[in-house]
N, C-alpha and C. Protein backbone atom coordinates (compact mmCIF):
# COMPACT_ATOMS: atom_id res chain seq x y z
N MET A 1 0.84 -1.18 0.00
CA MET A 1 0.00 0.00 0.00
C MET A 1 0.89 1.24 0.00
N ARG A 2 0.55 2.21 -0.80
CA ARG A 2 1.30 3.45 -0.92
C ARG A 2 1.00 4.38 0.26
N LYS A 3 2.03 5.06 0.73
CA LYS A 3 1.81 6.10 1.72
C LYS A 3 1.61 7.41 0.96
N VAL A 4 0.47 8.02 1.16
CA VAL A 4 0.10 9.22 0.43
C VAL A 4 0.11 10.42 1.37
N PHE A 5 0.69 11.51 0.90
CA PHE A 5 0.64 12.78 1.63
C PHE A 5 -0.42 13.64 0.95
N PHE A 6 -1.38 14.13 1.74
CA PHE A 6 -2.43 15.00 1.21
C PHE A 6 -2.07 16.45 1.50
N SER A 7 -2.09 17.27 0.47
CA SER A 7 -1.82 18.70 0.58
C SER A 7 -3.10 19.45 0.26
N PHE A 8 -3.50 20.38 1.14
CA PHE A 8 -4.77 21.08 0.93
C PHE A 8 -4.84 22.31 1.82
N HIS A 9 -5.81 23.16 1.53
CA HIS A 9 -6.10 24.34 2.35
C HIS A 9 -7.08 23.91 3.42
N TYR A 10 -6.60 23.81 4.65
CA TYR A 10 -7.39 23.22 5.72
C TYR A 10 -8.70 23.97 5.98
N LYS A 11 -8.58 25.24 6.31
CA LYS A 11 -9.74 25.99 6.79
C LYS A 11 -10.89 26.01 5.79
N ARG A 12 -10.58 26.19 4.54
CA ARG A 12 -11.62 26.35 3.53
C ARG A 12 -12.17 25.03 2.99
N ASP A 13 -11.33 24.01 2.95
CA ASP A 13 -11.69 22.81 2.19
C ASP A 13 -11.86 21.53 3.00
N ILE A 14 -11.79 21.60 4.32
CA ILE A 14 -11.77 20.37 5.11
C ILE A 14 -13.00 19.50 4.90
N GLN A 15 -14.17 20.08 4.66
CA GLN A 15 -15.36 19.26 4.43
C GLN A 15 -15.17 18.37 3.20
N ARG A 16 -14.75 18.97 2.11
CA ARG A 16 -14.56 18.21 0.87
C ARG A 16 -13.36 17.27 0.96
N VAL A 17 -12.30 17.72 1.63
CA VAL A 17 -11.11 16.89 1.82
C VAL A 17 -11.47 15.61 2.56
N SER A 18 -12.32 15.72 3.55
CA SER A 18 -12.71 14.54 4.34
C SER A 18 -13.35 13.47 3.48
N ILE A 19 -14.11 13.86 2.48
CA ILE A 19 -14.74 12.88 1.58
C ILE A 19 -13.67 12.11 0.82
N VAL A 20 -12.70 12.82 0.27
CA VAL A 20 -11.64 12.16 -0.48
C VAL A 20 -10.79 11.30 0.45
N ARG A 21 -10.37 11.87 1.53
CA ARG A 21 -9.48 11.16 2.45
C ARG A 21 -10.14 9.93 3.05
N ASN A 22 -11.38 10.04 3.44
CA ASN A 22 -12.05 8.89 4.04
C ASN A 22 -12.34 7.79 3.03
N SER A 23 -12.50 8.14 1.75
CA SER A 23 -12.70 7.08 0.76
C SER A 23 -11.45 6.23 0.65
N TRP A 24 -10.30 6.84 0.80
CA TRP A 24 -9.03 6.11 0.78
C TRP A 24 -9.01 5.10 1.92
N ARG A 25 -9.42 5.54 3.10
CA ARG A 25 -9.42 4.65 4.26
C ARG A 25 -10.34 3.46 4.03
N PHE A 26 -11.53 3.70 3.55
CA PHE A 26 -12.48 2.62 3.36
C PHE A 26 -12.05 1.67 2.25
N ARG A 27 -11.50 2.19 1.18
CA ARG A 27 -11.17 1.37 0.03
C ARG A 27 -9.91 0.54 0.27
N GLN A 28 -8.99 1.01 1.11
CA GLN A 28 -7.71 0.33 1.27
C GLN A 28 -7.60 -0.51 2.54
N LYS A 29 -8.63 -0.55 3.36
CA LYS A 29 -8.63 -1.37 4.58
C LYS A 29 -7.43 -1.07 5.47
N GLY A 30 -7.06 0.17 5.59
CA GLY A 30 -5.94 0.53 6.44
C GLY A 30 -6.03 1.97 6.86
N GLU A 31 -5.12 2.35 7.68
CA GLU A 31 -5.13 3.72 8.15
C GLU A 31 -4.53 4.63 7.09
N ALA A 32 -5.23 5.68 6.77
CA ALA A 32 -4.72 6.65 5.80
C ALA A 32 -3.67 7.53 6.45
N THR A 33 -2.93 8.23 5.63
CA THR A 33 -1.92 9.14 6.13
C THR A 33 -2.55 10.13 7.11
N PRO A 34 -1.93 10.33 8.26
CA PRO A 34 -2.54 11.22 9.26
C PRO A 34 -2.50 12.68 8.83
N PHE A 35 -3.46 13.43 9.31
CA PHE A 35 -3.38 14.87 9.19
C PHE A 35 -3.96 15.48 10.43
N LEU A 36 -3.58 16.69 10.70
CA LEU A 36 -3.95 17.35 11.94
C LEU A 36 -5.37 17.87 11.89
N ASP A 37 -6.04 17.85 13.04
CA ASP A 37 -7.33 18.53 13.10
C ASP A 37 -7.06 20.03 13.27
N ARG A 38 -8.10 20.83 13.22
CA ARG A 38 -7.93 22.28 13.21
C ARG A 38 -7.19 22.79 14.45
N ALA A 39 -7.55 22.28 15.62
CA ALA A 39 -6.90 22.74 16.85
C ALA A 39 -5.41 22.42 16.84
N GLU A 40 -5.07 21.20 16.40
CA GLU A 40 -3.65 20.82 16.34
C GLU A 40 -2.90 21.67 15.31
N TRP A 41 -3.53 21.94 14.16
CA TRP A 41 -2.90 22.76 13.12
C TRP A 41 -2.65 24.18 13.64
N GLU A 42 -3.63 24.76 14.31
CA GLU A 42 -3.46 26.11 14.86
C GLU A 42 -2.35 26.15 15.91
N GLN A 43 -2.29 25.12 16.74
CA GLN A 43 -1.25 25.04 17.75
C GLN A 43 0.13 24.90 17.11
N LEU A 44 0.23 24.09 16.07
CA LEU A 44 1.49 23.93 15.36
C LEU A 44 1.92 25.25 14.73
N LYS A 45 0.99 25.97 14.09
CA LYS A 45 1.32 27.26 13.46
C LYS A 45 1.83 28.26 14.49
N ARG A 46 1.29 28.23 15.69
CA ARG A 46 1.75 29.17 16.74
C ARG A 46 3.18 28.89 17.17
N ARG A 47 3.66 27.68 16.95
CA ARG A 47 5.04 27.34 17.31
C ARG A 47 6.03 27.86 16.26
N GLY A 48 5.53 28.36 15.14
CA GLY A 48 6.38 29.00 14.15
C GLY A 48 6.60 28.20 12.89
N GLU A 49 7.17 28.89 11.91
CA GLU A 49 7.38 28.30 10.58
C GLU A 49 8.27 27.07 10.62
N ASP A 50 9.32 27.11 11.45
CA ASP A 50 10.21 25.94 11.50
C ASP A 50 9.48 24.70 11.99
N ALA A 51 8.58 24.88 12.96
CA ALA A 51 7.80 23.74 13.47
C ALA A 51 6.88 23.19 12.38
N VAL A 52 6.26 24.09 11.62
CA VAL A 52 5.38 23.65 10.53
C VAL A 52 6.19 22.89 9.48
N LYS A 53 7.33 23.44 9.10
CA LYS A 53 8.18 22.77 8.11
C LYS A 53 8.64 21.40 8.59
N ARG A 54 9.02 21.31 9.87
CA ARG A 54 9.44 20.01 10.42
C ARG A 54 8.30 18.99 10.35
N TRP A 55 7.08 19.43 10.69
CA TRP A 55 5.94 18.52 10.64
C TRP A 55 5.69 18.06 9.20
N ILE A 56 5.67 19.01 8.27
CA ILE A 56 5.44 18.66 6.86
C ILE A 56 6.52 17.70 6.38
N ASN A 57 7.78 18.03 6.66
CA ASN A 57 8.88 17.18 6.21
C ASN A 57 8.79 15.78 6.81
N SER A 58 8.38 15.68 8.08
CA SER A 58 8.25 14.35 8.69
C SER A 58 7.13 13.56 8.03
N GLN A 59 6.05 14.22 7.62
CA GLN A 59 4.94 13.54 6.96
C GLN A 59 5.32 13.12 5.53
N LEU A 60 6.15 13.93 4.88
CA LEU A 60 6.57 13.59 3.52
C LEU A 60 7.58 12.44 3.51
N THR A 61 8.33 12.28 4.60
CA THR A 61 9.33 11.22 4.68
C THR A 61 8.64 9.86 4.60
N GLY A 62 9.09 9.07 3.70
CA GLY A 62 8.53 7.73 3.57
C GLY A 62 7.31 7.65 2.67
N SER A 63 6.73 8.79 2.32
CA SER A 63 5.59 8.74 1.40
C SER A 63 6.12 8.71 -0.03
N THR A 64 5.30 8.23 -0.93
CA THR A 64 5.73 8.11 -2.32
C THR A 64 4.97 9.03 -3.25
N VAL A 65 3.78 9.45 -2.82
CA VAL A 65 2.92 10.27 -3.68
C VAL A 65 2.33 11.41 -2.85
N THR A 66 2.34 12.60 -3.45
CA THR A 66 1.67 13.75 -2.87
C THR A 66 0.43 14.03 -3.70
N VAL A 67 -0.71 14.08 -3.03
CA VAL A 67 -1.98 14.38 -3.69
C VAL A 67 -2.40 15.77 -3.24
N VAL A 68 -2.46 16.70 -4.19
CA VAL A 68 -2.89 18.06 -3.90
C VAL A 68 -4.39 18.13 -4.13
N LEU A 69 -5.12 18.36 -3.05
CA LEU A 69 -6.58 18.45 -3.11
C LEU A 69 -6.93 19.91 -3.36
N ILE A 70 -7.48 20.19 -4.53
CA ILE A 70 -7.56 21.55 -5.05
C ILE A 70 -8.93 22.16 -4.83
N GLY A 71 -8.96 23.15 -3.96
CA GLY A 71 -10.14 23.96 -3.74
C GLY A 71 -9.92 25.33 -4.35
N LYS A 72 -10.85 26.21 -4.09
CA LYS A 72 -10.86 27.53 -4.72
C LYS A 72 -9.60 28.35 -4.44
N GLU A 73 -9.00 28.23 -3.25
CA GLU A 73 -7.85 29.06 -2.88
C GLU A 73 -6.56 28.27 -2.69
N THR A 74 -6.55 27.00 -3.03
CA THR A 74 -5.41 26.13 -2.75
C THR A 74 -4.11 26.66 -3.35
N GLY A 75 -4.15 27.12 -4.58
CA GLY A 75 -2.94 27.56 -5.27
C GLY A 75 -2.25 28.75 -4.65
N SER A 76 -2.95 29.49 -3.80
CA SER A 76 -2.35 30.67 -3.17
C SER A 76 -1.88 30.39 -1.75
N ARG A 77 -1.98 29.17 -1.28
CA ARG A 77 -1.64 28.85 0.10
C ARG A 77 -0.15 28.58 0.25
N LYS A 78 0.47 29.28 1.18
CA LYS A 78 1.91 29.18 1.42
C LYS A 78 2.35 27.74 1.67
N TRP A 79 1.65 27.03 2.55
CA TRP A 79 2.10 25.70 2.94
C TRP A 79 1.83 24.68 1.84
N VAL A 80 0.80 24.86 1.07
CA VAL A 80 0.56 23.97 -0.07
C VAL A 80 1.71 24.11 -1.06
N ASN A 81 2.10 25.34 -1.33
CA ASN A 81 3.21 25.56 -2.26
C ASN A 81 4.52 24.98 -1.72
N TYR A 82 4.74 25.08 -0.42
CA TYR A 82 5.92 24.46 0.19
C TYR A 82 5.87 22.95 0.01
N GLU A 83 4.70 22.36 0.21
CA GLU A 83 4.55 20.91 0.08
C GLU A 83 4.77 20.45 -1.35
N ILE A 84 4.32 21.23 -2.32
CA ILE A 84 4.57 20.89 -3.73
C ILE A 84 6.07 20.96 -4.01
N GLU A 85 6.70 22.02 -3.57
CA GLU A 85 8.14 22.18 -3.79
C GLU A 85 8.94 21.04 -3.17
N ARG A 86 8.65 20.72 -1.91
CA ARG A 86 9.37 19.65 -1.22
C ARG A 86 9.10 18.30 -1.89
N SER A 87 7.88 18.06 -2.30
CA SER A 87 7.54 16.81 -2.96
C SER A 87 8.32 16.65 -4.26
N TYR A 88 8.47 17.74 -5.00
CA TYR A 88 9.25 17.69 -6.23
C TYR A 88 10.71 17.36 -5.92
N VAL A 89 11.27 18.06 -4.94
CA VAL A 89 12.67 17.83 -4.55
C VAL A 89 12.88 16.38 -4.13
N LEU A 90 11.92 15.81 -3.42
CA LEU A 90 12.02 14.43 -2.95
C LEU A 90 11.73 13.40 -4.04
N GLY A 91 11.29 13.85 -5.20
CA GLY A 91 11.00 12.93 -6.30
C GLY A 91 9.69 12.17 -6.14
N HIS A 92 8.77 12.73 -5.38
CA HIS A 92 7.47 12.08 -5.20
C HIS A 92 6.67 12.08 -6.50
N GLY A 93 5.83 11.08 -6.65
CA GLY A 93 4.80 11.18 -7.64
C GLY A 93 3.81 12.23 -7.16
N MET A 94 3.22 12.96 -8.07
CA MET A 94 2.24 13.97 -7.67
C MET A 94 1.05 13.93 -8.60
N LEU A 95 -0.09 14.31 -8.05
CA LEU A 95 -1.30 14.48 -8.82
C LEU A 95 -2.18 15.46 -8.07
N GLY A 96 -3.12 16.02 -8.79
CA GLY A 96 -4.08 16.93 -8.17
C GLY A 96 -5.49 16.40 -8.35
N ILE A 97 -6.34 16.78 -7.42
CA ILE A 97 -7.75 16.41 -7.52
C ILE A 97 -8.59 17.65 -7.22
N TYR A 98 -9.39 18.05 -8.20
CA TYR A 98 -10.31 19.16 -7.99
C TYR A 98 -11.44 18.74 -7.05
N LEU A 99 -11.69 19.59 -6.07
CA LEU A 99 -12.73 19.33 -5.08
C LEU A 99 -14.02 20.11 -5.35
N ASN A 100 -13.98 21.06 -6.27
CA ASN A 100 -15.06 22.05 -6.40
C ASN A 100 -16.42 21.44 -6.77
N ASN A 101 -16.45 20.25 -7.35
CA ASN A 101 -17.74 19.63 -7.69
C ASN A 101 -18.29 18.72 -6.60
N ILE A 102 -17.56 18.59 -5.50
CA ILE A 102 -18.06 17.84 -4.35
C ILE A 102 -18.97 18.78 -3.55
N PRO A 103 -20.22 18.41 -3.33
CA PRO A 103 -21.11 19.28 -2.55
C PRO A 103 -20.64 19.38 -1.10
N ASP A 104 -20.74 20.58 -0.53
CA ASP A 104 -20.44 20.74 0.89
C ASP A 104 -21.64 20.29 1.71
N PHE A 105 -21.61 20.53 3.01
CA PHE A 105 -22.70 20.08 3.89
C PHE A 105 -24.04 20.71 3.54
N PHE A 106 -24.01 21.82 2.80
CA PHE A 106 -25.25 22.49 2.40
C PHE A 106 -25.67 22.12 0.98
N GLY A 107 -24.90 21.23 0.34
CA GLY A 107 -25.24 20.77 -1.00
C GLY A 107 -24.75 21.68 -2.11
N THR A 108 -23.92 22.67 -1.79
CA THR A 108 -23.44 23.59 -2.81
C THR A 108 -22.06 23.18 -3.32
N THR A 109 -21.81 23.50 -4.57
CA THR A 109 -20.50 23.29 -5.18
C THR A 109 -19.89 24.65 -5.47
N GLU A 110 -18.66 24.64 -5.96
CA GLU A 110 -17.96 25.90 -6.25
C GLU A 110 -17.60 25.98 -7.72
N SER A 111 -17.22 27.17 -8.14
CA SER A 111 -16.75 27.34 -9.52
C SER A 111 -15.37 26.70 -9.66
N ALA A 112 -14.91 26.60 -10.88
CA ALA A 112 -13.63 25.97 -11.17
C ALA A 112 -12.50 26.62 -10.38
N CYS A 113 -11.50 25.83 -10.08
CA CYS A 113 -10.38 26.25 -9.26
C CYS A 113 -9.10 26.32 -10.11
N LEU A 114 -8.19 27.17 -9.70
CA LEU A 114 -6.89 27.28 -10.36
C LEU A 114 -6.03 26.06 -10.02
N ASN A 115 -5.37 25.50 -11.00
CA ASN A 115 -4.47 24.38 -10.80
C ASN A 115 -3.18 24.90 -10.14
N PRO A 116 -2.87 24.50 -8.89
CA PRO A 116 -1.68 25.00 -8.22
C PRO A 116 -0.38 24.56 -8.89
N PHE A 117 -0.42 23.51 -9.70
CA PHE A 117 0.79 23.11 -10.42
C PHE A 117 1.18 24.15 -11.46
N SER A 118 0.25 25.02 -11.84
CA SER A 118 0.59 26.07 -12.81
C SER A 118 1.49 27.14 -12.19
N ASN A 119 1.66 27.13 -10.86
CA ASN A 119 2.56 28.07 -10.18
C ASN A 119 4.02 27.67 -10.29
N TRP A 120 4.31 26.47 -10.76
CA TRP A 120 5.66 25.91 -10.72
C TRP A 120 6.11 25.47 -12.10
N TYR A 121 7.42 25.57 -12.33
CA TYR A 121 7.99 25.09 -13.59
C TYR A 121 9.46 24.74 -13.37
N ILE A 122 10.00 24.00 -14.32
CA ILE A 122 11.44 23.73 -14.37
C ILE A 122 11.94 24.20 -15.72
N GLU A 123 13.24 24.49 -15.79
CA GLU A 123 13.84 24.88 -17.06
C GLU A 123 14.93 23.90 -17.41
N ASN A 124 14.86 23.38 -18.62
CA ASN A 124 15.88 22.51 -19.18
C ASN A 124 16.20 23.00 -20.58
N ASP A 125 17.47 23.27 -20.84
CA ASP A 125 17.89 23.71 -22.16
C ASP A 125 17.03 24.86 -22.67
N SER A 126 16.82 25.84 -21.83
CA SER A 126 16.05 27.05 -22.16
C SER A 126 14.57 26.77 -22.44
N ARG A 127 14.11 25.59 -22.12
CA ARG A 127 12.69 25.27 -22.28
C ARG A 127 12.06 25.20 -20.91
N ARG A 128 10.98 25.92 -20.74
CA ARG A 128 10.25 25.94 -19.50
C ARG A 128 9.12 24.91 -19.55
N THR A 129 9.12 23.99 -18.59
CA THR A 129 8.06 22.99 -18.49
C THR A 129 7.28 23.25 -17.21
N ASN A 130 6.03 23.54 -17.38
CA ASN A 130 5.17 23.82 -16.24
C ASN A 130 4.81 22.51 -15.54
N PHE A 131 4.73 22.56 -14.21
CA PHE A 131 4.32 21.37 -13.46
C PHE A 131 2.95 20.87 -13.91
N SER A 132 2.11 21.77 -14.39
CA SER A 132 0.78 21.34 -14.86
C SER A 132 0.89 20.45 -16.09
N GLU A 133 2.03 20.48 -16.78
CA GLU A 133 2.27 19.57 -17.89
C GLU A 133 2.83 18.23 -17.40
N MET A 134 3.39 18.23 -16.22
CA MET A 134 4.07 17.06 -15.68
C MET A 134 3.18 16.19 -14.79
N TYR A 135 2.24 16.82 -14.12
CA TYR A 135 1.44 16.10 -13.12
C TYR A 135 -0.05 16.18 -13.48
N PRO A 136 -0.72 15.04 -13.53
CA PRO A 136 -2.14 15.03 -13.91
C PRO A 136 -3.02 15.61 -12.81
N VAL A 137 -4.15 16.14 -13.24
CA VAL A 137 -5.17 16.65 -12.32
C VAL A 137 -6.50 16.05 -12.74
N TYR A 138 -7.22 15.55 -11.75
CA TYR A 138 -8.51 14.90 -11.97
C TYR A 138 -9.60 15.67 -11.23
N ASP A 139 -10.82 15.42 -11.61
CA ASP A 139 -11.97 15.96 -10.90
C ASP A 139 -12.59 14.80 -10.12
N TRP A 140 -12.71 14.96 -8.79
CA TRP A 140 -13.19 13.87 -7.96
C TRP A 140 -14.55 13.34 -8.42
N VAL A 141 -15.44 14.25 -8.79
CA VAL A 141 -16.80 13.85 -9.18
C VAL A 141 -16.82 13.37 -10.63
N LYS A 142 -16.38 14.20 -11.55
CA LYS A 142 -16.48 13.88 -12.98
C LYS A 142 -15.63 12.68 -13.39
N ASP A 143 -14.49 12.50 -12.72
CA ASP A 143 -13.59 11.40 -13.06
C ASP A 143 -13.76 10.19 -12.13
N ASN A 144 -14.83 10.19 -11.34
CA ASN A 144 -15.16 9.07 -10.45
C ASN A 144 -14.01 8.70 -9.53
N GLY A 145 -13.61 9.65 -8.71
CA GLY A 145 -12.49 9.46 -7.80
C GLY A 145 -12.65 8.31 -6.84
N PHE A 146 -13.87 8.07 -6.38
CA PHE A 146 -14.06 6.98 -5.43
C PHE A 146 -13.57 5.65 -6.00
N LEU A 147 -13.84 5.42 -7.27
CA LEU A 147 -13.41 4.17 -7.90
C LEU A 147 -11.98 4.24 -8.44
N ASN A 148 -11.51 5.42 -8.82
CA ASN A 148 -10.25 5.54 -9.54
C ASN A 148 -9.07 6.04 -8.72
N PHE A 149 -9.31 6.49 -7.51
CA PHE A 149 -8.25 7.11 -6.72
C PHE A 149 -7.02 6.21 -6.56
N ALA A 150 -7.21 4.97 -6.19
CA ALA A 150 -6.08 4.06 -5.99
C ALA A 150 -5.25 3.92 -7.28
N ASN A 151 -5.92 3.87 -8.42
CA ASN A 151 -5.19 3.79 -9.70
C ASN A 151 -4.42 5.06 -9.98
N TRP A 152 -5.01 6.22 -9.68
CA TRP A 152 -4.31 7.48 -9.90
C TRP A 152 -3.03 7.53 -9.07
N VAL A 153 -3.14 7.11 -7.81
CA VAL A 153 -1.97 7.10 -6.92
C VAL A 153 -0.91 6.15 -7.45
N GLU A 154 -1.32 4.98 -7.85
CA GLU A 154 -0.36 4.00 -8.36
C GLU A 154 0.33 4.51 -9.63
N GLN A 155 -0.41 5.11 -10.53
CA GLN A 155 0.18 5.67 -11.75
C GLN A 155 1.20 6.76 -11.43
N ALA A 156 0.87 7.63 -10.48
CA ALA A 156 1.78 8.72 -10.09
C ALA A 156 3.06 8.14 -9.49
N ALA A 157 2.93 7.11 -8.65
CA ALA A 157 4.10 6.49 -8.03
C ALA A 157 4.99 5.85 -9.09
N ARG A 158 4.40 5.13 -9.99
CA ARG A 158 5.18 4.46 -11.03
C ARG A 158 5.88 5.46 -11.95
N LYS A 159 5.17 6.52 -12.29
CA LYS A 159 5.76 7.57 -13.14
C LYS A 159 7.00 8.18 -12.48
N ALA A 160 6.97 8.26 -11.13
CA ALA A 160 8.10 8.80 -10.38
C ALA A 160 9.17 7.74 -10.08
N GLY A 161 8.92 6.50 -10.52
CA GLY A 161 9.88 5.42 -10.29
C GLY A 161 9.85 4.90 -8.87
N LYS A 162 8.71 5.00 -8.22
CA LYS A 162 8.58 4.54 -6.82
C LYS A 162 7.88 3.21 -6.74
C-alpha cells in the first residue's frame, strides 16, 4: 500500500477533503496518512514556521505520492506551495484532484479552481516545463475518484519510479 501525503487548504476545504481522504481509508482497509485537526494545526502554526516545516517534512518522509486536493484558494496557500516544492525535490509522484464539484454540507458546489501546479515550472535547455504539464489533475466527481483514486496514486508512483 502506498503512503500518500495529502496537501490542501485546511480551513476552507476540510469538508470536501474529508470525503476524499475517508474514501481512501475505506477502500484500502488501512489507516490513511494522518493529518492534523484544526486545533492541532493552529497550535502547530503558533510554534512558528520551523515547526510547521518540520511537521510537513516528517509527513513527507517515507511517502511516495503527494496528492494536492484543489479547492478555490489552494494555489495561493503558502504551505501547499511548500509541500509541492518539497515533494518535487524528494521525487514524489504527484497528482491533483479538484474538489469544487463535491457538494459541501449544504449541498453547494464551487466554480472551477486554479491548478496550483501552474505556479511551478522547471527549465531545461532554455525550455520551461510547467508542473501542470508534468502532473495530472482529476476531478473527484467527474472522473469518479471513489473508484479511480487508488489507480491514480499507483500511476503517479510508477511515473516517479517509486
